[in-house]
Amino acid sequence: MNLKRFFGGLLTILGIVGLIYTAVLFAGASAETRDIKSVIIYGILGIVFFTSGISLVRTTKDES
């Protein structure tokens, strides 16, 4: 099993989870209690993990 592909898949899953958590935080809070800083941080981390995971899976050659 290729370790880079596994790590890329793991990063992609973490990115998806981060983006879903960001959406839950954004949709679940009212206007007064919305914490913009945490929404921005989780959103940026989710996007970074997702794009790096997809990139790692795409560029890794299959050597089986």
C-alpha atoms as a PDB file:
ATOM      1  CA  MET A   1       0.000   0.000   0.000  1.00  0.00           C
ATOM      2  CA  ASN A   2       1.301   3.393  -0.926  1.00  0.00           C
ATOM      3  CA  LEU A   3       1.826   5.551   2.162  1.00  0.00           C
ATOM      4  CA  LYS A   4       1.524   8.858   0.277  1.00  0.00           C
ATOM      5  CA  ARG A   5      -1.893   7.909  -1.103  1.00  0.00           C
ATOM      6  CA  PHE A   6      -3.059   6.866   2.351  1.00  0.00           C
ATOM      7  CA  PHE A   7      -1.866  10.144   3.867  1.00  0.00           C
ATOM      8  CA  GLY A   8      -3.519  12.090   1.034  1.00  0.00           C
ATOM      9  CA  GLY A   9      -6.806  10.323   1.682  1.00  0.00           C
ATOM     10  CA  LEU A  10      -6.516  11.040   5.384  1.00  0.00           C
ATOM     11  CA  LEU A  11      -5.866  14.733   4.717  1.00  0.00           C
ATOM     12  CA  THR A  12      -8.839  14.855   2.361  1.00  0.00           C
ATOM     13  CA  ILE A  13     -11.142  13.323   4.967  1.00  0.00           C
ATOM     14  CA  LEU A  14      -9.877  15.732   7.627  1.00  0.00           C
ATOM     15  CA  GLY A  15     -10.505  18.626   5.254  1.00  0.00           C
ATOM     16  CA  ILE A  16     -14.060  17.494   4.591  1.00  0.00           C
ATOM     17  CA  VAL A  17     -14.703  17.143   8.321  1.00  0.00           C
ATOM     18  CA  GLY A  18     -13.297  20.619   8.934  1.00  0.00           C
ATOM     19  CA  LEU A  19     -15.483  22.151   6.238  1.00  0.00           C
ATOM     20  CA  ILE A  20     -18.591  20.400   7.547  1.00  0.00           C
ATOM     21  CA  TYR A  21     -17.797  21.578  11.082  1.00  0.00           C
ATOM     22  CA  THR A  22     -17.392  25.120   9.763  1.00  0.00           C
ATOM     23  CA  ALA A  23     -20.788  24.923   8.091  1.00  0.00           C
ATOM     24  CA  VAL A  24     -22.386  23.616  11.297  1.00  0.00           C
ATOM     25  CA  LEU A  25     -20.841  26.431  13.329  1.00  0.00           C
ATOM     26  CA  PHE A  26     -21.923  29.025  10.787  1.00  0.00           C
ATOM     27  CA  ALA A  27     -25.489  27.762  10.417  1.00  0.00           C
ATOM     28  CA  GLY A  28     -26.124  26.895  14.044  1.00  0.00           C
ATOM     29  CA  ALA A  29     -25.204  30.159  15.707  1.00  0.00           C
ATOM     30  CA  SER A  30     -27.354  33.229  15.917  1.00  0.00           C
ATOM     31  CA  ALA A  31     -26.103  36.639  14.847  1.00  0.00           C
ATOM     32  CA  GLU A  32     -25.165  37.710  18.374  1.00  0.00           C
ATOM     33  CA  THR A  33     -23.288  34.563  19.376  1.00  0.00           C
ATOM     34  CA  ARG A  34     -21.506  33.757  16.122  1.00  0.00           C
ATOM     35  CA  ASP A  35     -17.762  33.498  16.712  1.00  0.00           C
ATOM     36  CA  ILE A  36     -16.295  34.714  13.441  1.00  0.00           C
ATOM     37  CA  LYS A  37     -12.702  33.910  14.398  1.00  0.00           C
ATOM     38  CA  SER A  38     -13.341  30.185  14.929  1.00  0.00           C
ATOM     39  CA  VAL A  39     -15.416  29.935  11.734  1.00  0.00           C
ATOM     40  CA  ILE A  40     -12.592  31.512   9.721  1.00  0.00           C
ATOM     41  CA  ILE A  41      -9.886  29.338  11.326  1.00  0.00           C
ATOM     42  CA  TYR A  42     -11.771  26.053  10.848  1.00  0.00           C
ATOM     43  CA  GLY A  43     -12.729  27.036   7.310  1.00  0.00           C
ATOM     44  CA  ILE A  44      -9.170  27.872   6.278  1.00  0.00           C
ATOM     45  CA  LEU A  45      -7.782  24.702   7.849  1.00  0.00           C
ATOM     46  CA  GLY A  46     -10.472  22.626   6.149  1.00  0.00           C
ATOM     47  CA  ILE A  47      -9.709  24.141   2.754  1.00  0.00           C
ATOM     48  CA  VAL A  48      -5.942  23.682   3.196  1.00  0.00           C
ATOM     49  CA  PHE A  49      -6.265  20.042   4.291  1.00  0.00           C
ATOM     50  CA  PHE A  50      -8.761  19.242   1.549  1.00  0.00           C
ATOM     51  CA  THR A  51      -6.739  20.769  -1.284  1.00  0.00           C
ATOM     52  CA  SER A  52      -3.427  19.314  -0.103  1.00  0.00           C
ATOM     53  CA  GLY A  53      -4.984  15.867   0.277  1.00  0.00           C
ATOM     54  CA  ILE A  54      -6.534  15.944  -3.186  1.00  0.00           C
ATOM     55  CA  SER A  55      -3.259  17.184  -4.656  1.00  0.00           C
ATOM     56  CA  LEU A  56      -1.270  14.440  -2.936  1.00  0.00           C
ATOM     57  CA  VAL A  57      -3.619  11.718  -4.163  1.00  0.00           C
ATOM     58  CA  ARG A  58      -3.585  13.083  -7.726  1.00  0.00           C
ATOM     59  CA  THR A  59       0.183  13.428  -8.087  1.00  0.00           C
ATOM     60  CA  THR A  60       1.163  10.108  -6.511  1.00  0.00           C
ATOM     61  CA  LYS A  61       1.829   7.400  -9.081  1.00  0.00           C
ATOM     62  CA  ASP A  62       0.407   3.909  -8.585  1.00  0.00           C
ATOM     63  CA  GLU A  63       3.349   1.506  -8.197  1.00  0.00           C
ATOM     64  CA  SER A  64       1.508  -1.787  -7.756  1.00  0.00           C
END
